[in-house]
């Protein structure tokens, strides 16, 4: 039995941790809009140090897609 749903399949080609640019391109939003999503908690992110690159887990993008589809 295949346990991957449509959202998991949609993000399957992405790296496990996406840069803000990769995540924004995947979601088809601007990087600025992506940072708004991060600031209000729509997407979780990882950041090693202040000022370092923000990374978004692939599984967080899949979860975001599922929640957005339910809200639509």
PDB file of N, CA and C in Angstrom:
ATOM      1  N   UNK A   1       0.845  -1.184   0.000  1.00  0.00           N
ATOM      2  CA  UNK A   1       0.000   0.000   0.000  1.00  0.00           C
ATOM      3  C   UNK A   1       0.887   1.243   0.000  1.00  0.00           C
ATOM      4  N   UNK A   2       0.607   2.168  -0.879  1.00  0.00           N
ATOM      5  CA  UNK A   2       1.377   3.406  -0.986  1.00  0.00           C
ATOM      6  C   UNK A   2       0.839   4.416   0.026  1.00  0.00           C
ATOM      7  N   UNK A   3       1.702   4.849   0.955  1.00  0.00           N
ATOM      8  CA  UNK A   3       1.257   5.754   2.010  1.00  0.00           C
ATOM      9  C   UNK A   3       1.447   7.224   1.632  1.00  0.00           C
ATOM     10  N   UNK A   4       2.043   7.492   0.470  1.00  0.00           N
ATOM     11  CA  UNK A   4       2.243   8.877   0.051  1.00  0.00           C
ATOM     12  C   UNK A   4       0.939   9.427  -0.524  1.00  0.00           C
ATOM     13  N   UNK A   5       0.538  10.582  -0.032  1.00  0.00           N
ATOM     14  CA  UNK A   5      -0.631  11.230  -0.599  1.00  0.00           C
ATOM     15  C   UNK A   5      -0.202  12.230  -1.662  1.00  0.00           C
ATOM     16  N   UNK A   6      -1.140  12.953  -2.216  1.00  0.00           N
ATOM     17  CA  UNK A   6      -0.853  13.882  -3.315  1.00  0.00           C
ATOM     18  C   UNK A   6       0.144  14.962  -2.900  1.00  0.00           C
ATOM     19  N   UNK A   7       0.064  15.447  -1.653  1.00  0.00           N
ATOM     20  CA  UNK A   7       0.971  16.507  -1.203  1.00  0.00           C
ATOM     21  C   UNK A   7       2.400  15.975  -1.083  1.00  0.00           C
ATOM     22  N   UNK A   8       2.550  14.771  -0.550  1.00  0.00           N
ATOM     23  CA  UNK A   8       3.877  14.161  -0.456  1.00  0.00           C
ATOM     24  C   UNK A   8       4.478  13.943  -1.847  1.00  0.00           C
ATOM     25  N   UNK A   9       3.650  13.537  -2.782  1.00  0.00           N
ATOM     26  CA  UNK A   9       4.125  13.332  -4.147  1.00  0.00           C
ATOM     27  C   UNK A   9       4.520  14.657  -4.799  1.00  0.00           C
ATOM     28  N   UNK A  10       3.787  15.719  -4.478  1.00  0.00           N
ATOM     29  CA  UNK A  10       4.075  17.032  -5.065  1.00  0.00           C
ATOM     30  C   UNK A  10       5.434  17.560  -4.633  1.00  0.00           C
ATOM     31  N   UNK A  11       5.835  17.268  -3.399  1.00  0.00           N
ATOM     32  CA  UNK A  11       7.106  17.788  -2.878  1.00  0.00           C
ATOM     33  C   UNK A  11       8.243  16.776  -2.978  1.00  0.00           C
ATOM     34  N   UNK A  12       7.979  15.617  -3.537  1.00  0.00           N
ATOM     35  CA  UNK A  12       8.961  14.526  -3.551  1.00  0.00           C
ATOM     36  C   UNK A  12      10.282  14.909  -4.215  1.00  0.00           C
ATOM     37  N   UNK A  13      10.253  15.762  -5.204  1.00  0.00           N
ATOM     38  CA  UNK A  13      11.476  16.132  -5.933  1.00  0.00           C
ATOM     39  C   UNK A  13      12.276  17.230  -5.242  1.00  0.00           C
ATOM     40  N   UNK A  14      11.712  17.844  -4.217  1.00  0.00           N
ATOM     41  CA  UNK A  14      12.408  18.914  -3.500  1.00  0.00           C
ATOM     42  C   UNK A  14      13.447  18.332  -2.548  1.00  0.00           C
ATOM     43  N   UNK A  15      14.482  19.107  -2.217  1.00  0.00           N
ATOM     44  CA  UNK A  15      15.430  18.640  -1.198  1.00  0.00           C
ATOM     45  C   UNK A  15      14.746  18.577   0.167  1.00  0.00           C
ATOM     46  N   UNK A  16      15.293  17.812   1.085  1.00  0.00           N
ATOM     47  CA  UNK A  16      14.699  17.668   2.422  1.00  0.00           C
ATOM     48  C   UNK A  16      14.580  19.008   3.129  1.00  0.00           C
ATOM     49  N   UNK A  17      15.548  19.891   2.933  1.00  0.00           N
ATOM     50  CA  UNK A  17      15.499  21.246   3.469  1.00  0.00           C
ATOM     51  C   UNK A  17      15.634  22.216   2.296  1.00  0.00           C
ATOM     52  N   UNK A  18      14.606  23.011   2.073  1.00  0.00           N
ATOM     53  CA  UNK A  18      14.585  23.946   0.943  1.00  0.00           C
ATOM     54  C   UNK A  18      15.032  25.333   1.386  1.00  0.00           C
ATOM     55  N   UNK A  19      15.724  26.020   0.517  1.00  0.00           N
ATOM     56  CA  UNK A  19      16.044  27.421   0.775  1.00  0.00           C
ATOM     57  C   UNK A  19      14.762  28.231   0.596  1.00  0.00           C
ATOM     58  N   UNK A  20      14.799  29.472   1.045  1.00  0.00           N
ATOM     59  CA  UNK A  20      13.619  30.320   0.885  1.00  0.00           C
ATOM     60  C   UNK A  20      13.293  30.506  -0.592  1.00  0.00           C
ATOM     61  N   UNK A  21      14.307  30.621  -1.428  1.00  0.00           N
ATOM     62  CA  UNK A  21      14.071  30.762  -2.863  1.00  0.00           C
ATOM     63  C   UNK A  21      13.433  29.535  -3.481  1.00  0.00           C
ATOM     64  N   UNK A  22      13.912  28.355  -3.090  1.00  0.00           N
ATOM     65  CA  UNK A  22      13.338  27.109  -3.608  1.00  0.00           C
ATOM     66  C   UNK A  22      11.888  26.951  -3.163  1.00  0.00           C
ATOM     67  N   UNK A  23      11.630  27.233  -1.891  1.00  0.00           N
ATOM     68  CA  UNK A  23      10.267  27.092  -1.362  1.00  0.00           C
ATOM     69  C   UNK A  23       9.327  28.096  -2.020  1.00  0.00           C
ATOM     70  N   UNK A  24       9.780  29.337  -2.188  1.00  0.00           N
ATOM     71  CA  UNK A  24       8.949  30.360  -2.821  1.00  0.00           C
ATOM     72  C   UNK A  24       8.641  29.976  -4.270  1.00  0.00           C
ATOM     73  N   UNK A  25       9.642  29.501  -4.991  1.00  0.00           N
ATOM     74  CA  UNK A  25       9.426  29.088  -6.376  1.00  0.00           C
ATOM     75  C   UNK A  25       8.440  27.920  -6.447  1.00  0.00           C
ATOM     76  N   UNK A  26       8.573  26.968  -5.536  1.00  0.00           N
ATOM     77  CA  UNK A  26       7.664  25.830  -5.522  1.00  0.00           C
ATOM     78  C   UNK A  26       6.231  26.273  -5.253  1.00  0.00           C
ATOM     79  N   UNK A  27       6.052  27.173  -4.278  1.00  0.00           N
ATOM     80  CA  UNK A  27       4.707  27.653  -3.927  1.00  0.00           C
ATOM     81  C   UNK A  27       4.190  28.715  -4.888  1.00  0.00           C
ATOM     82  N   UNK A  28       5.064  29.164  -5.790  1.00  0.00           N
ATOM     83  CA  UNK A  28       4.723  30.212  -6.759  1.00  0.00           C
ATOM     84  C   UNK A  28       4.302  31.508  -6.069  1.00  0.00           C
ATOM     85  N   UNK A  29       5.101  31.883  -5.067  1.00  0.00           N
ATOM     86  CA  UNK A  29       4.938  33.165  -4.391  1.00  0.00           C
ATOM     87  C   UNK A  29       6.295  33.855  -4.381  1.00  0.00           C
ATOM     88  N   UNK A  30       6.308  35.125  -4.059  1.00  0.00           N
ATOM     89  CA  UNK A  30       7.580  35.839  -3.958  1.00  0.00           C
ATOM     90  C   UNK A  30       8.287  35.425  -2.676  1.00  0.00           C
ATOM     91  N   UNK A  31       9.580  35.664  -2.624  1.00  0.00           N
ATOM     92  CA  UNK A  31      10.337  35.372  -1.400  1.00  0.00           C
ATOM     93  C   UNK A  31       9.801  36.236  -0.264  1.00  0.00           C
ATOM     94  N   UNK A  32       9.437  37.456  -0.577  1.00  0.00           N
ATOM     95  CA  UNK A  32       8.863  38.349   0.441  1.00  0.00           C
ATOM     96  C   UNK A  32       7.580  37.753   1.038  1.00  0.00           C
ATOM     97  N   UNK A  33       6.707  37.216   0.176  1.00  0.00           N
ATOM     98  CA  UNK A  33       5.478  36.582   0.658  1.00  0.00           C
ATOM     99  C   UNK A  33       5.803  35.343   1.490  1.00  0.00           C
ATOM    100  N   UNK A  34       6.791  34.594   1.087  1.00  0.00           N
ATOM    101  CA  UNK A  34       7.197  33.424   1.854  1.00  0.00           C
ATOM    102  C   UNK A  34       7.629  33.838   3.262  1.00  0.00           C
ATOM    103  N   UNK A  35       8.403  34.914   3.365  1.00  0.00           N
ATOM    104  CA  UNK A  35       8.817  35.392   4.687  1.00  0.00           C
ATOM    105  C   UNK A  35       7.625  35.847   5.524  1.00  0.00           C
ATOM    106  N   UNK A  36       6.579  36.355   4.874  1.00  0.00           N
ATOM    107  CA  UNK A  36       5.349  36.684   5.623  1.00  0.00           C
ATOM    108  C   UNK A  36       4.724  35.416   6.186  1.00  0.00           C
ATOM    109  N   UNK A  37       4.678  34.362   5.355  1.00  0.00           N
ATOM    110  CA  UNK A  37       4.155  33.076   5.829  1.00  0.00           C
ATOM    111  C   UNK A  37       4.946  32.580   7.045  1.00  0.00           C
ATOM    112  N   UNK A  38       6.264  32.730   6.984  1.00  0.00           N
ATOM    113  CA  UNK A  38       7.110  32.296   8.092  1.00  0.00           C
ATOM    114  C   UNK A  38       6.856  33.133   9.335  1.00  0.00           C
ATOM    115  N   UNK A  39       6.695  34.434   9.162  1.00  0.00           N
ATOM    116  CA  UNK A  39       6.540  35.313  10.321  1.00  0.00           C
ATOM    117  C   UNK A  39       5.215  35.110  11.051  1.00  0.00           C
ATOM    118  N   UNK A  40       4.174  34.701  10.333  1.00  0.00           N
ATOM    119  CA  UNK A  40       2.882  34.475  10.986  1.00  0.00           C
ATOM    120  C   UNK A  40       2.659  33.010  11.357  1.00  0.00           C
ATOM    121  N   UNK A  41       3.649  32.155  11.067  1.00  0.00           N
ATOM    122  CA  UNK A  41       3.558  30.759  11.472  1.00  0.00           C
ATOM    123  C   UNK A  41       2.864  29.834  10.496  1.00  0.00           C
ATOM    124  N   UNK A  42       2.609  30.289   9.270  1.00  0.00           N
ATOM    125  CA  UNK A  42       2.004  29.395   8.279  1.00  0.00           C
ATOM    126  C   UNK A  42       2.959  28.296   7.871  1.00  0.00           C
ATOM    127  N   UNK A  43       4.258  28.578   7.945  1.00  0.00           N
ATOM    128  CA  UNK A  43       5.294  27.606   7.621  1.00  0.00           C
ATOM    129  C   UNK A  43       6.367  27.643   8.698  1.00  0.00           C
ATOM    130  N   UNK A  44       6.812  26.491   9.173  1.00  0.00           N
ATOM    131  CA  UNK A  44       7.952  26.470  10.093  1.00  0.00           C
ATOM    132  C   UNK A  44       9.258  26.534   9.315  1.00  0.00           C
ATOM    133  N   UNK A  45      10.293  26.981   9.975  1.00  0.00           N
ATOM    134  CA  UNK A  45      11.597  27.037   9.314  1.00  0.00           C
ATOM    135  C   UNK A  45      12.694  26.741  10.317  1.00  0.00           C
ATOM    136  N   UNK A  46      13.869  26.497   9.785  1.00  0.00           N
ATOM    137  CA  UNK A  46      15.054  26.263  10.600  1.00  0.00           C
ATOM    138  C   UNK A  46      16.069  27.348  10.271  1.00  0.00           C
ATOM    139  N   UNK A  47      16.747  27.837  11.292  1.00  0.00           N
ATOM    140  CA  UNK A  47      17.791  28.836  11.078  1.00  0.00           C
ATOM    141  C   UNK A  47      18.876  28.569  12.105  1.00  0.00           C
ATOM    142  N   UNK A  48      20.080  28.288  11.632  1.00  0.00           N
ATOM    143  CA  UNK A  48      21.172  27.919  12.534  1.00  0.00           C
ATOM    144  C   UNK A  48      21.584  29.078  13.428  1.00  0.00           C
ATOM    145  N   UNK A  49      21.872  30.207  12.867  1.00  0.00           N
ATOM    146  CA  UNK A  49      22.281  31.399  13.613  1.00  0.00           C
ATOM    147  C   UNK A  49      21.513  32.599  13.091  1.00  0.00           C
ATOM    148  N   UNK A  50      21.460  33.659  13.889  1.00  0.00           N
ATOM    149  CA  UNK A  50      20.862  34.907  13.406  1.00  0.00           C
ATOM    150  C   UNK A  50      21.585  35.339  12.149  1.00  0.00           C
ATOM    151  N   UNK A  51      20.843  35.692  11.134  1.00  0.00           N
ATOM    152  CA  UNK A  51      21.440  36.138   9.891  1.00  0.00           C
ATOM    153  C   UNK A  51      21.820  35.024   8.937  1.00  0.00           C
ATOM    154  N   UNK A  52      21.708  33.780   9.383  1.00  0.00           N
ATOM    155  CA  UNK A  52      22.043  32.684   8.470  1.00  0.00           C
ATOM    156  C   UNK A  52      20.832  32.343   7.606  1.00  0.00           C
ATOM    157  N   UNK A  53      21.071  31.491   6.630  1.00  0.00           N
ATOM    158  CA  UNK A  53      20.031  31.137   5.676  1.00  0.00           C
ATOM    159  C   UNK A  53      18.874  30.419   6.359  1.00  0.00           C
ATOM    160  N   UNK A  54      17.668  30.751   5.945  1.00  0.00           N
ATOM    161  CA  UNK A  54      16.460  30.106   6.446  1.00  0.00           C
ATOM    162  C   UNK A  54      16.206  28.868   5.588  1.00  0.00           C
ATOM    163  N   UNK A  55      15.895  27.755   6.240  1.00  0.00           N
ATOM    164  CA  UNK A  55      15.599  26.508   5.533  1.00  0.00           C
ATOM    165  C   UNK A  55      14.209  26.031   5.929  1.00  0.00           C
ATOM    166  N   UNK A  56      13.448  25.593   4.944  1.00  0.00           N
ATOM    167  CA  UNK A  56      12.084  25.128   5.161  1.00  0.00           C
ATOM    168  C   UNK A  56      12.043  23.635   4.878  1.00  0.00           C
ATOM    169  N   UNK A  57      11.611  22.825   5.862  1.00  0.00           N
ATOM    170  CA  UNK A  57      11.543  21.376   5.636  1.00  0.00           C
ATOM    171  C   UNK A  57      10.517  21.025   4.552  1.00  0.00           C
ATOM    172  N   UNK A  58      10.863  20.066   3.739  1.00  0.00           N
ATOM    173  CA  UNK A  58       9.965  19.585   2.683  1.00  0.00           C
ATOM    174  C   UNK A  58       8.638  19.124   3.275  1.00  0.00           C
ATOM    175  N   UNK A  59       8.672  18.455   4.418  1.00  0.00           N
ATOM    176  CA  UNK A  59       7.419  17.971   5.010  1.00  0.00           C
ATOM    177  C   UNK A  59       6.523  19.126   5.440  1.00  0.00           C
ATOM    178  N   UNK A  60       7.118  20.273   5.787  1.00  0.00           N
ATOM    179  CA  UNK A  60       6.319  21.450   6.136  1.00  0.00           C
ATOM    180  C   UNK A  60       5.594  21.991   4.911  1.00  0.00           C
ATOM    181  N   UNK A  61       6.246  21.925   3.754  1.00  0.00           N
ATOM    182  CA  UNK A  61       5.598  22.367   2.520  1.00  0.00           C
ATOM    183  C   UNK A  61       4.429  21.452   2.168  1.00  0.00           C
ATOM    184  N   UNK A  62       4.597  20.150   2.363  1.00  0.00           N
ATOM    185  CA  UNK A  62       3.507  19.206   2.104  1.00  0.00           C
ATOM    186  C   UNK A  62       2.334  19.480   3.038  1.00  0.00           C
ATOM    187  N   UNK A  63       2.633  19.725   4.304  1.00  0.00           N
ATOM    188  CA  UNK A  63       1.577  20.029   5.279  1.00  0.00           C
ATOM    189  C   UNK A  63       0.855  21.320   4.907  1.00  0.00           C
ATOM    190  N   UNK A  64       1.606  22.322   4.472  1.00  0.00           N
ATOM    191  CA  UNK A  64       1.007  23.593   4.057  1.00  0.00           C
ATOM    192  C   UNK A  64       0.056  23.369   2.878  1.00  0.00           C
ATOM    193  N   UNK A  65       0.472  22.553   1.902  1.00  0.00           N
ATOM    194  CA  UNK A  65      -0.392  22.274   0.755  1.00  0.00           C
ATOM    195  C   UNK A  65      -1.695  21.604   1.178  1.00  0.00           C
ATOM    196  N   UNK A  66      -1.602  20.640   2.091  1.00  0.00           N
ATOM    197  CA  UNK A  66      -2.806  19.953   2.571  1.00  0.00           C
ATOM    198  C   UNK A  66      -3.754  20.933   3.249  1.00  0.00           C
ATOM    199  N   UNK A  67      -3.211  21.792   4.127  1.00  0.00           N
ATOM    200  CA  UNK A  67      -4.038  22.758   4.857  1.00  0.00           C
ATOM    201  C   UNK A  67      -4.652  23.785   3.916  1.00  0.00           C
ATOM    202  N   UNK A  68      -3.896  24.232   2.917  1.00  0.00           N
ATOM    203  CA  UNK A  68      -4.420  25.194   1.955  1.00  0.00           C
ATOM    204  C   UNK A  68      -5.536  24.564   1.124  1.00  0.00           C
ATOM    205  N   UNK A  69      -5.388  23.297   0.792  1.00  0.00           N
ATOM    206  CA  UNK A  69      -6.426  22.616   0.004  1.00  0.00           C
ATOM    207  C   UNK A  69      -7.706  22.454   0.824  1.00  0.00           C
ATOM    208  N   UNK A  70      -7.554  22.157   2.112  1.00  0.00           N
ATOM    209  CA  UNK A  70      -8.738  22.027   2.975  1.00  0.00           C
ATOM    210  C   UNK A  70      -9.468  23.359   3.125  1.00  0.00           C
ATOM    211  N   UNK A  71      -8.712  24.445   3.185  1.00  0.00           N
ATOM    212  CA  UNK A  71      -9.300  25.779   3.384  1.00  0.00           C
ATOM    213  C   UNK A  71      -9.992  26.289   2.117  1.00  0.00           C
ATOM    214  N   UNK A  72      -9.609  25.759   0.978  1.00  0.00           N
ATOM    215  CA  UNK A  72     -10.174  26.254  -0.301  1.00  0.00           C
ATOM    216  C   UNK A  72     -11.568  25.730  -0.559  1.00  0.00           C
TER     217      UNK A  72
END
